[in-house]
């Protein structure tokens, strides 16, 4: 589900368990990076390849992610 607020866009994905939310989030971010990396280079411009690097930088390491979601436990 996507919800629009005054100053943000909120995307909600059902994980069906609080303990699975972190794993799902990290899995989805990695999957997006992989899809972009495997795009056909004949159909995209050179700057396109900066996108997976940018997205990967947004992925915290496991310990930081656990702290970010501590309230779910």
C-alpha atoms as a PDB file:
ATOM      1  CA  UNK A   1       0.000   0.000   0.000  1.00  0.00           C
ATOM      2  CA  UNK A   2       1.179   3.511  -0.749  1.00  0.00           C
ATOM      3  CA  UNK A   3       0.108   6.440   1.387  1.00  0.00           C
ATOM      4  CA  UNK A   4       0.840  10.069   0.574  1.00  0.00           C
ATOM      5  CA  UNK A   5       1.344  12.568   3.379  1.00  0.00           C
ATOM      6  CA  UNK A   6       2.158  16.275   3.197  1.00  0.00           C
ATOM      7  CA  UNK A   7       5.911  15.843   3.195  1.00  0.00           C
ATOM      8  CA  UNK A   8       6.451  12.137   2.486  1.00  0.00           C
ATOM      9  CA  UNK A   9       5.514   9.014   0.596  1.00  0.00           C
ATOM     10  CA  UNK A  10       4.907   5.951   2.774  1.00  0.00           C
ATOM     11  CA  UNK A  11       5.090   2.456   1.276  1.00  0.00           C
ATOM     12  CA  UNK A  12       3.801  -0.426   3.377  1.00  0.00           C
ATOM     13  CA  UNK A  13       4.560  -4.067   2.596  1.00  0.00           C
ATOM     14  CA  UNK A  14       2.910  -6.920   4.480  1.00  0.00           C
ATOM     15  CA  UNK A  15       5.446  -9.347   5.958  1.00  0.00           C
ATOM     16  CA  UNK A  16       2.940 -11.308   8.052  1.00  0.00           C
ATOM     17  CA  UNK A  17       5.270 -11.264  11.070  1.00  0.00           C
ATOM     18  CA  UNK A  18       7.131  -8.537  12.924  1.00  0.00           C
ATOM     19  CA  UNK A  19      10.272 -10.663  13.052  1.00  0.00           C
ATOM     20  CA  UNK A  20      10.231 -11.021   9.247  1.00  0.00           C
ATOM     21  CA  UNK A  21       9.986  -7.292   8.545  1.00  0.00           C
ATOM     22  CA  UNK A  22      13.717  -6.631   8.748  1.00  0.00           C
ATOM     23  CA  UNK A  23      14.614  -9.592   6.567  1.00  0.00           C
ATOM     24  CA  UNK A  24      12.004  -8.613   3.976  1.00  0.00           C
ATOM     25  CA  UNK A  25      13.230  -5.012   3.885  1.00  0.00           C
ATOM     26  CA  UNK A  26      16.854  -6.004   3.364  1.00  0.00           C
ATOM     27  CA  UNK A  27      15.905  -8.661   0.796  1.00  0.00           C
ATOM     28  CA  UNK A  28      13.856  -6.171  -1.223  1.00  0.00           C
ATOM     29  CA  UNK A  29      16.625  -3.573  -1.264  1.00  0.00           C
ATOM     30  CA  UNK A  30      19.134  -6.141  -2.498  1.00  0.00           C
ATOM     31  CA  UNK A  31      16.682  -7.413  -5.113  1.00  0.00           C
ATOM     32  CA  UNK A  32      16.168  -3.898  -6.493  1.00  0.00           C
ATOM     33  CA  UNK A  33      19.939  -3.463  -6.787  1.00  0.00           C
ATOM     34  CA  UNK A  34      20.274  -6.797  -8.596  1.00  0.00           C
ATOM     35  CA  UNK A  35      17.505  -6.003 -11.074  1.00  0.00           C
ATOM     36  CA  UNK A  36      19.111  -2.698 -11.934  1.00  0.00           C
ATOM     37  CA  UNK A  37      22.559  -4.271 -12.276  1.00  0.00           C
ATOM     38  CA  UNK A  38      21.208  -6.864 -14.682  1.00  0.00           C
ATOM     39  CA  UNK A  39      19.397  -4.378 -16.920  1.00  0.00           C
ATOM     40  CA  UNK A  40      20.243  -4.462 -20.619  1.00  0.00           C
ATOM     41  CA  UNK A  41      23.020  -1.920 -21.093  1.00  0.00           C
ATOM     42  CA  UNK A  42      21.832  -1.255 -24.669  1.00  0.00           C
ATOM     43  CA  UNK A  43      18.651   0.339 -23.330  1.00  0.00           C
ATOM     44  CA  UNK A  44      20.023   2.588 -20.603  1.00  0.00           C
ATOM     45  CA  UNK A  45      22.378   5.545 -20.263  1.00  0.00           C
ATOM     46  CA  UNK A  46      25.739   5.525 -18.451  1.00  0.00           C
ATOM     47  CA  UNK A  47      24.427   7.370 -15.402  1.00  0.00           C
ATOM     48  CA  UNK A  48      21.913   4.566 -14.797  1.00  0.00           C
ATOM     49  CA  UNK A  49      24.676   2.505 -13.175  1.00  0.00           C
ATOM     50  CA  UNK A  50      25.026   5.001 -10.332  1.00  0.00           C
ATOM     51  CA  UNK A  51      21.554   4.027  -9.087  1.00  0.00           C
ATOM     52  CA  UNK A  52      22.438   0.579  -7.655  1.00  0.00           C
ATOM     53  CA  UNK A  53      25.462   2.050  -5.895  1.00  0.00           C
ATOM     54  CA  UNK A  54      23.267   4.743  -4.358  1.00  0.00           C
ATOM     55  CA  UNK A  55      20.633   2.216  -3.258  1.00  0.00           C
ATOM     56  CA  UNK A  56      23.238  -0.089  -1.792  1.00  0.00           C
ATOM     57  CA  UNK A  57      24.583   2.758   0.326  1.00  0.00           C
ATOM     58  CA  UNK A  58      21.101   3.064   1.851  1.00  0.00           C
ATOM     59  CA  UNK A  59      21.244  -0.514   3.129  1.00  0.00           C
ATOM     60  CA  UNK A  60      22.516  -0.591   6.712  1.00  0.00           C
ATOM     61  CA  UNK A  61      24.610  -3.444   8.014  1.00  0.00           C
ATOM     62  CA  UNK A  62      22.794  -6.059  10.082  1.00  0.00           C
ATOM     63  CA  UNK A  63      23.583  -4.559  13.503  1.00  0.00           C
ATOM     64  CA  UNK A  64      22.388  -1.085  12.508  1.00  0.00           C
ATOM     65  CA  UNK A  65      19.239  -2.539  10.940  1.00  0.00           C
ATOM     66  CA  UNK A  66      18.469  -4.471  14.134  1.00  0.00           C
ATOM     67  CA  UNK A  67      18.786  -1.254  16.157  1.00  0.00           C
ATOM     68  CA  UNK A  68      16.506   0.549  13.697  1.00  0.00           C
ATOM     69  CA  UNK A  69      13.824  -2.063  14.205  1.00  0.00           C
ATOM     70  CA  UNK A  70      14.319  -2.721  17.929  1.00  0.00           C
ATOM     71  CA  UNK A  71      10.808  -1.465  18.651  1.00  0.00           C
ATOM     72  CA  UNK A  72       9.396  -4.377  16.613  1.00  0.00           C
ATOM     73  CA  UNK A  73      10.823  -6.975  18.994  1.00  0.00           C
END
